[in-house]
Amino acid sequence: MSRRIVVLNPNSTQAVTDGLSAALDPLRIPGGPVVDCHTLTEGPPGIESDAHVAGVVEPLCRHFAAEEPQTDAFVIACFSDPGLVEARKRIGRPVYGMAECGMLTAMTRAERFGVIAILEQSIPRHLRYIDRLGIRTRLAADLPVGLGVTELVDQARTFPRLVDVGRRLVGEHGAGAVVLGCAGMAPMRAALEADLGVPVIDPAQAAVAMAVGALLVA
């Protein structure tokens, strides 16, 4: 019987889930786990505030609990890793947070990494999390593109901003790797990496890669 990973987008924007799922196609390998991407329909259109983070914890845990009997690992596809601590306490399967996995992956690629946030107001939340993980000394900077989650879908508008922020992270702040701070940025990862000339980490890919690897050797 095939193993299964459920990747949950905790916001209700299906376009984000669709882009995320397409970015995960390289990790759907023959003989590997099935990777299913779900949308949390109870979530807000974008998780952009502390209130949004707090509001999705319970529905996220309920969704995981309902899927647990037929699932071997879960991934939270939001850079705030909402509900990660709670889900790990309540779910008897491994739960991966994309922010945690993305930043850990970045640290294997460079001494210092930068984060591209969506909004200025997201940065204090990111920094609290980075401090909790004990990795602040490895952070070059965390800079915003100034677009909300639903606005990221417009790649013609978003990509130039990603390039501008990415170049500042690398050129001005010395980042040797860049982490995308939202699942909605996933479709633009490869093009951004080609422009910046440094590793660009899609944290959802990083989390699913860890989950796939763990299940393949279990």
C-alpha atoms as a PDB file:
ATOM      1  CA  MET A   1       0.000   0.000   0.000  1.00  0.00           C
ATOM      2  CA  SER A   2       1.375   3.420  -0.994  1.00  0.00           C
ATOM      3  CA  ARG A   3       2.360   5.843   1.702  1.00  0.00           C
ATOM      4  CA  ARG A   4       0.625   9.225   1.677  1.00  0.00           C
ATOM      5  CA  ILE A   5       1.563  12.801   2.567  1.00  0.00           C
ATOM      6  CA  VAL A   6      -1.125  15.450   3.004  1.00  0.00           C
ATOM      7  CA  VAL A   7       0.031  19.014   2.332  1.00  0.00           C
ATOM      8  CA  LEU A   8      -2.461  21.511   3.747  1.00  0.00           C
ATOM      9  CA  ASN A   9      -2.728  25.107   2.566  1.00  0.00           C
ATOM     10  CA  PRO A  10      -4.313  26.758   5.626  1.00  0.00           C
ATOM     11  CA  ASN A  11      -5.801  29.611   3.609  1.00  0.00           C
ATOM     12  CA  SER A  12      -8.877  29.235   1.438  1.00  0.00           C
ATOM     13  CA  THR A  13      -7.374  30.453  -1.851  1.00  0.00           C
ATOM     14  CA  GLN A  14      -7.445  27.481  -4.199  1.00  0.00           C
ATOM     15  CA  ALA A  15      -5.068  29.153  -6.664  1.00  0.00           C
ATOM     16  CA  VAL A  16      -2.360  29.038  -3.983  1.00  0.00           C
ATOM     17  CA  THR A  17      -2.965  25.319  -3.498  1.00  0.00           C
ATOM     18  CA  ASP A  18      -2.874  24.697  -7.244  1.00  0.00           C
ATOM     19  CA  GLY A  19       0.453  26.497  -7.656  1.00  0.00           C
ATOM     20  CA  LEU A  20       1.840  24.726  -4.617  1.00  0.00           C
ATOM     21  CA  SER A  21       0.796  21.341  -5.969  1.00  0.00           C
ATOM     22  CA  ALA A  22       2.423  22.004  -9.338  1.00  0.00           C
ATOM     23  CA  ALA A  23       5.670  22.972  -7.588  1.00  0.00           C
ATOM     24  CA  LEU A  24       5.611  19.654  -5.734  1.00  0.00           C
ATOM     25  CA  ASP A  25       5.366  17.525  -8.900  1.00  0.00           C
ATOM     26  CA  PRO A  26       9.129  16.730  -8.945  1.00  0.00           C
ATOM     27  CA  LEU A  27       8.692  15.090  -5.526  1.00  0.00           C
ATOM     28  CA  ARG A  28       5.956  12.763  -6.789  1.00  0.00           C
ATOM     29  CA  ILE A  29       8.433  10.034  -7.672  1.00  0.00           C
ATOM     30  CA  PRO A  30       7.753   6.468  -8.836  1.00  0.00           C
ATOM     31  CA  GLY A  31       7.564   4.222  -5.808  1.00  0.00           C
ATOM     32  CA  GLY A  32       7.438   7.224  -3.477  1.00  0.00           C
ATOM     33  CA  PRO A  33       4.612   8.483  -1.303  1.00  0.00           C
ATOM     34  CA  VAL A  34       1.467   9.956  -2.775  1.00  0.00           C
ATOM     35  CA  VAL A  35       1.489  13.727  -2.214  1.00  0.00           C
ATOM     36  CA  ASP A  36      -2.014  15.201  -1.875  1.00  0.00           C
ATOM     37  CA  CYS A  37      -2.542  18.946  -1.547  1.00  0.00           C
ATOM     38  CA  HIS A  38      -5.606  20.179   0.332  1.00  0.00           C
ATOM     39  CA  THR A  39      -7.129  23.627   0.908  1.00  0.00           C
ATOM     40  CA  LEU A  40      -8.480  24.564   4.339  1.00  0.00           C
ATOM     41  CA  THR A  41     -11.807  26.001   3.264  1.00  0.00           C
ATOM     42  CA  GLU A  42     -12.434  27.420   6.759  1.00  0.00           C
ATOM     43  CA  GLY A  43      -9.306  29.548   6.508  1.00  0.00           C
ATOM     44  CA  PRO A  44      -9.082  33.204   5.445  1.00  0.00           C
ATOM     45  CA  PRO A  45      -8.137  34.036   1.845  1.00  0.00           C
ATOM     46  CA  GLY A  46      -4.609  34.724   3.096  1.00  0.00           C
ATOM     47  CA  ILE A  47      -2.870  34.283   6.440  1.00  0.00           C
ATOM     48  CA  GLU A  48      -1.493  37.752   6.996  1.00  0.00           C
ATOM     49  CA  SER A  49      -1.883  38.496  10.718  1.00  0.00           C
ATOM     50  CA  ASP A  50      -1.471  36.940  14.135  1.00  0.00           C
ATOM     51  CA  ALA A  51      -5.267  36.661  14.331  1.00  0.00           C
ATOM     52  CA  HIS A  52      -5.325  34.695  11.069  1.00  0.00           C
ATOM     53  CA  VAL A  53      -2.653  32.352  12.434  1.00  0.00           C
ATOM     54  CA  ALA A  54      -4.560  31.746  15.655  1.00  0.00           C
ATOM     55  CA  GLY A  55      -7.844  31.286  13.817  1.00  0.00           C
ATOM     56  CA  VAL A  56      -6.734  28.354  11.669  1.00  0.00           C
ATOM     57  CA  VAL A  57      -5.175  26.235  14.434  1.00  0.00           C
ATOM     58  CA  GLU A  58      -8.322  24.348  15.421  1.00  0.00           C
ATOM     59  CA  PRO A  59      -9.692  23.717  11.895  1.00  0.00           C
ATOM     60  CA  LEU A  60      -6.208  22.656  10.784  1.00  0.00           C
ATOM     61  CA  CYS A  61      -5.927  20.141  13.623  1.00  0.00           C
ATOM     62  CA  ARG A  62      -9.432  18.847  12.892  1.00  0.00           C
ATOM     63  CA  HIS A  63      -8.537  18.377   9.226  1.00  0.00           C
ATOM     64  CA  PHE A  64      -5.410  16.444  10.149  1.00  0.00           C
ATOM     65  CA  ALA A  65      -7.317  14.290  12.629  1.00  0.00           C
ATOM     66  CA  ALA A  66      -9.887  13.378   9.966  1.00  0.00           C
ATOM     67  CA  GLU A  67      -7.131  12.446   7.485  1.00  0.00           C
ATOM     68  CA  GLU A  68      -4.844  10.715   9.999  1.00  0.00           C
ATOM     69  CA  PRO A  69      -6.090   7.125   9.507  1.00  0.00           C
ATOM     70  CA  GLN A  70      -5.078   7.170   5.833  1.00  0.00           C
ATOM     71  CA  THR A  71      -2.051   9.491   6.034  1.00  0.00           C
ATOM     72  CA  ASP A  72       1.583   8.875   6.997  1.00  0.00           C
ATOM     73  CA  ALA A  73       2.819  12.482   7.290  1.00  0.00           C
ATOM     74  CA  PHE A  74       1.444  16.009   7.170  1.00  0.00           C
ATOM     75  CA  VAL A  75       2.886  19.302   5.911  1.00  0.00           C
ATOM     76  CA  ILE A  76       1.614  22.742   6.910  1.00  0.00           C
ATOM     77  CA  ALA A  77       2.031  24.914   3.813  1.00  0.00           C
ATOM     78  CA  CYS A  78       2.097  28.371   5.385  1.00  0.00           C
ATOM     79  CA  PHE A  79       5.220  30.291   6.371  1.00  0.00           C
ATOM     80  CA  SER A  80       3.845  31.026   9.843  1.00  0.00           C
ATOM     81  CA  ASP A  81       3.643  27.256  10.524  1.00  0.00           C
ATOM     82  CA  PRO A  82       0.227  27.787  12.187  1.00  0.00           C
ATOM     83  CA  GLY A  83      -0.793  24.963  14.495  1.00  0.00           C
ATOM     84  CA  LEU A  84       2.529  23.132  14.199  1.00  0.00           C
ATOM     85  CA  VAL A  85       3.052  22.739  17.944  1.00  0.00           C
ATOM     86  CA  GLU A  86      -0.588  21.836  18.558  1.00  0.00           C
ATOM     87  CA  ALA A  87      -0.756  19.349  15.671  1.00  0.00           C
ATOM     88  CA  ARG A  88       2.406  17.594  16.823  1.00  0.00           C
ATOM     89  CA  LYS A  89       0.837  17.135  20.239  1.00  0.00           C
ATOM     90  CA  ARG A  90      -2.506  15.883  18.945  1.00  0.00           C
ATOM     91  CA  ILE A  91      -1.663  13.925  15.780  1.00  0.00           C
ATOM     92  CA  GLY A  92       0.111  10.591  15.895  1.00  0.00           C
ATOM     93  CA  ARG A  93       1.901  11.149  12.579  1.00  0.00           C
ATOM     94  CA  PRO A  94       4.902  13.352  11.734  1.00  0.00           C
ATOM     95  CA  VAL A  95       3.935  16.961  11.070  1.00  0.00           C
ATOM     96  CA  TYR A  96       6.298  19.247   9.126  1.00  0.00           C
ATOM     97  CA  GLY A  97       6.095  23.036   9.093  1.00  0.00           C
ATOM     98  CA  MET A  98       7.249  24.577   5.854  1.00  0.00           C
ATOM     99  CA  ALA A  99       8.931  27.588   7.470  1.00  0.00           C
ATOM    100  CA  GLU A 100      10.973  25.455   9.833  1.00  0.00           C
ATOM    101  CA  CYS A 101      11.970  23.061   7.044  1.00  0.00           C
ATOM    102  CA  GLY A 102      12.685  25.850   4.577  1.00  0.00           C
ATOM    103  CA  MET A 103      15.007  27.728   6.892  1.00  0.00           C
ATOM    104  CA  LEU A 104      16.793  24.562   7.990  1.00  0.00           C
ATOM    105  CA  THR A 105      17.307  23.672   4.330  1.00  0.00           C
ATOM    106  CA  ALA A 106      18.641  27.156   3.585  1.00  0.00           C
ATOM    107  CA  MET A 107      21.227  26.741   6.328  1.00  0.00           C
ATOM    108  CA  THR A 108      22.558  23.653   4.555  1.00  0.00           C
ATOM    109  CA  ARG A 109      23.106  25.750   1.415  1.00  0.00           C
ATOM    110  CA  ALA A 110      24.611  28.944   2.846  1.00  0.00           C
ATOM    111  CA  GLU A 111      26.039  30.455   5.997  1.00  0.00           C
ATOM    112  CA  ARG A 112      23.378  33.177   6.058  1.00  0.00           C
ATOM    113  CA  PHE A 113      19.938  33.205   4.479  1.00  0.00           C
ATOM    114  CA  GLY A 114      17.361  35.859   3.680  1.00  0.00           C
ATOM    115  CA  VAL A 115      13.576  35.640   3.771  1.00  0.00           C
ATOM    116  CA  ILE A 116      11.174  37.273   1.334  1.00  0.00           C
ATOM    117  CA  ALA A 117       8.053  38.153   3.331  1.00  0.00           C
ATOM    118  CA  ILE A 118       4.701  39.135   1.900  1.00  0.00           C
ATOM    119  CA  LEU A 119       3.963  42.187   4.069  1.00  0.00           C
ATOM    120  CA  GLU A 120       5.884  44.357   6.510  1.00  0.00           C
ATOM    121  CA  GLN A 121       3.515  43.248   9.280  1.00  0.00           C
ATOM    122  CA  SER A 122       4.565  39.619   8.759  1.00  0.00           C
ATOM    123  CA  ILE A 123       8.182  40.272   9.701  1.00  0.00           C
ATOM    124  CA  PRO A 124       7.816  40.571  13.517  1.00  0.00           C
ATOM    125  CA  ARG A 125       6.011  37.204  13.501  1.00  0.00           C
ATOM    126  CA  HIS A 126       8.796  35.673  11.402  1.00  0.00           C
ATOM    127  CA  LEU A 127      11.467  37.062  13.725  1.00  0.00           C
ATOM    128  CA  ARG A 128       9.752  35.699  16.835  1.00  0.00           C
ATOM    129  CA  TYR A 129       9.689  32.290  15.205  1.00  0.00           C
ATOM    130  CA  ILE A 130      13.319  32.514  14.091  1.00  0.00           C
ATOM    131  CA  ASP A 131      14.306  33.444  17.650  1.00  0.00           C
ATOM    132  CA  ARG A 132      12.317  30.491  18.998  1.00  0.00           C
ATOM    133  CA  LEU A 133      14.230  28.210  16.637  1.00  0.00           C
ATOM    134  CA  GLY A 134      17.502  29.729  17.843  1.00  0.00           C
ATOM    135  CA  ILE A 135      18.789  30.618  14.370  1.00  0.00           C
ATOM    136  CA  ARG A 136      18.731  34.451  14.347  1.00  0.00           C
ATOM    137  CA  THR A 137      22.513  34.619  13.837  1.00  0.00           C
ATOM    138  CA  ARG A 138      22.091  32.833  10.505  1.00  0.00           C
ATOM    139  CA  LEU A 139      19.477  35.326   9.234  1.00  0.00           C
ATOM    140  CA  ALA A 140      20.799  37.998   6.870  1.00  0.00           C
ATOM    141  CA  ALA A 141      17.495  39.901   6.650  1.00  0.00           C
ATOM    142  CA  ASP A 142      13.733  39.488   6.241  1.00  0.00           C
ATOM    143  CA  LEU A 143      12.264  41.922   3.695  1.00  0.00           C
ATOM    144  CA  PRO A 144       8.709  42.318   2.321  1.00  0.00           C
ATOM    145  CA  VAL A 145       7.417  42.498  -1.249  1.00  0.00           C
ATOM    146  CA  GLY A 146       4.386  44.465  -0.067  1.00  0.00           C
ATOM    147  CA  LEU A 147       1.766  42.141  -1.550  1.00  0.00           C
ATOM    148  CA  GLY A 148      -0.887  40.066   0.191  1.00  0.00           C
ATOM    149  CA  VAL A 149      -1.354  36.365  -0.399  1.00  0.00           C
ATOM    150  CA  THR A 150      -4.118  36.677  -2.982  1.00  0.00           C
ATOM    151  CA  GLU A 151      -2.131  39.298  -4.918  1.00  0.00           C
ATOM    152  CA  LEU A 152       0.791  36.905  -5.428  1.00  0.00           C
ATOM    153  CA  VAL A 153      -1.236  35.011  -8.028  1.00  0.00           C
ATOM    154  CA  ASP A 154      -0.548  37.849 -10.485  1.00  0.00           C
ATOM    155  CA  GLN A 155       2.961  36.732 -11.432  1.00  0.00           C
ATOM    156  CA  ALA A 156       3.510  39.624 -13.845  1.00  0.00           C
ATOM    157  CA  ARG A 157       3.157  41.991 -10.900  1.00  0.00           C
ATOM    158  CA  THR A 158       4.781  39.801  -8.266  1.00  0.00           C
ATOM    159  CA  PHE A 159       7.923  38.514  -9.955  1.00  0.00           C
ATOM    160  CA  PRO A 160       9.648  41.904 -10.442  1.00  0.00           C
ATOM    161  CA  ARG A 161       9.116  42.586  -6.752  1.00  0.00           C
ATOM    162  CA  LEU A 162      10.595  39.227  -5.817  1.00  0.00           C
ATOM    163  CA  VAL A 163      13.629  40.018  -7.962  1.00  0.00           C
ATOM    164  CA  ASP A 164      14.052  43.442  -6.366  1.00  0.00           C
ATOM    165  CA  VAL A 165      13.806  42.115  -2.803  1.00  0.00           C
ATOM    166  CA  GLY A 166      15.953  39.085  -3.602  1.00  0.00           C
ATOM    167  CA  ARG A 167      18.711  41.235  -5.064  1.00  0.00           C
ATOM    168  CA  ARG A 168      18.670  43.436  -1.959  1.00  0.00           C
ATOM    169  CA  LEU A 169      18.913  40.391   0.300  1.00  0.00           C
ATOM    170  CA  VAL A 170      21.911  39.102  -1.641  1.00  0.00           C
ATOM    171  CA  GLY A 171      23.657  42.337  -2.571  1.00  0.00           C
ATOM    172  CA  GLU A 172      23.011  44.530   0.471  1.00  0.00           C
ATOM    173  CA  HIS A 173      22.580  42.000   3.274  1.00  0.00           C
ATOM    174  CA  GLY A 174      24.902  39.187   2.206  1.00  0.00           C
ATOM    175  CA  ALA A 175      22.347  36.378   1.959  1.00  0.00           C
ATOM    176  CA  GLY A 176      23.838  33.268   0.383  1.00  0.00           C
ATOM    177  CA  ALA A 177      20.413  31.643   0.045  1.00  0.00           C
ATOM    178  CA  VAL A 178      16.885  33.024  -0.100  1.00  0.00           C
ATOM    179  CA  VAL A 179      13.751  31.486   1.411  1.00  0.00           C
ATOM    180  CA  LEU A 180      10.345  32.264  -0.084  1.00  0.00           C
ATOM    181  CA  GLY A 181       8.081  33.460   2.720  1.00  0.00           C
ATOM    182  CA  CYS A 182       4.754  32.292   1.302  1.00  0.00           C
ATOM    183  CA  ALA A 183       3.457  29.180  -0.457  1.00  0.00           C
ATOM    184  CA  GLY A 184       1.960  31.486  -3.095  1.00  0.00           C
ATOM    185  CA  MET A 185       5.464  32.306  -4.341  1.00  0.00           C
ATOM    186  CA  ALA A 186       6.223  28.674  -5.231  1.00  0.00           C
ATOM    187  CA  PRO A 187       5.595  28.886  -9.010  1.00  0.00           C
ATOM    188  CA  MET A 188       8.290  31.591  -9.322  1.00  0.00           C
ATOM    189  CA  ARG A 189      11.093  29.854  -7.412  1.00  0.00           C
ATOM    190  CA  ALA A 190      13.130  28.535 -10.356  1.00  0.00           C
ATOM    191  CA  ALA A 191      13.028  31.789 -12.314  1.00  0.00           C
ATOM    192  CA  LEU A 192      14.031  33.770  -9.235  1.00  0.00           C
ATOM    193  CA  GLU A 193      16.946  31.428  -8.526  1.00  0.00           C
ATOM    194  CA  ALA A 194      18.169  31.851 -12.105  1.00  0.00           C
ATOM    195  CA  ASP A 195      18.073  35.631 -11.711  1.00  0.00           C
ATOM    196  CA  LEU A 196      19.717  35.818  -8.270  1.00  0.00           C
ATOM    197  CA  GLY A 197      22.409  33.204  -8.814  1.00  0.00           C
ATOM    198  CA  VAL A 198      22.002  31.791  -5.287  1.00  0.00           C
ATOM    199  CA  PRO A 199      19.834  28.932  -3.985  1.00  0.00           C
ATOM    200  CA  VAL A 200      16.183  29.935  -3.644  1.00  0.00           C
ATOM    201  CA  ILE A 201      14.287  27.653  -1.293  1.00  0.00           C
ATOM    202  CA  ASP A 202      10.597  26.924  -1.690  1.00  0.00           C
ATOM    203  CA  PRO A 203       9.838  25.920   1.910  1.00  0.00           C
ATOM    204  CA  ALA A 204       6.923  23.691   0.942  1.00  0.00           C
ATOM    205  CA  GLN A 205       9.219  21.727  -1.367  1.00  0.00           C
ATOM    206  CA  ALA A 206      11.745  21.533   1.472  1.00  0.00           C
ATOM    207  CA  ALA A 207       9.137  20.196   3.904  1.00  0.00           C
ATOM    208  CA  VAL A 208       7.750  17.628   1.474  1.00  0.00           C
ATOM    209  CA  ALA A 209      11.285  16.526   0.544  1.00  0.00           C
ATOM    210  CA  MET A 210      11.986  15.861   4.222  1.00  0.00           C
ATOM    211  CA  ALA A 211       8.741  13.960   4.603  1.00  0.00           C
ATOM    212  CA  VAL A 212       9.372  11.876   1.458  1.00  0.00           C
ATOM    213  CA  GLY A 213      12.890  11.052   2.595  1.00  0.00           C
ATOM    214  CA  ALA A 214      11.753  10.019   6.049  1.00  0.00           C
ATOM    215  CA  LEU A 215       9.038   7.756   4.684  1.00  0.00           C
ATOM    216  CA  LEU A 216      11.297   6.130   2.106  1.00  0.00           C
ATOM    217  CA  VAL A 217      13.803   5.037   4.740  1.00  0.00           C
ATOM    218  CA  ALA A 218      11.274   4.189   7.471  1.00  0.00           C
END
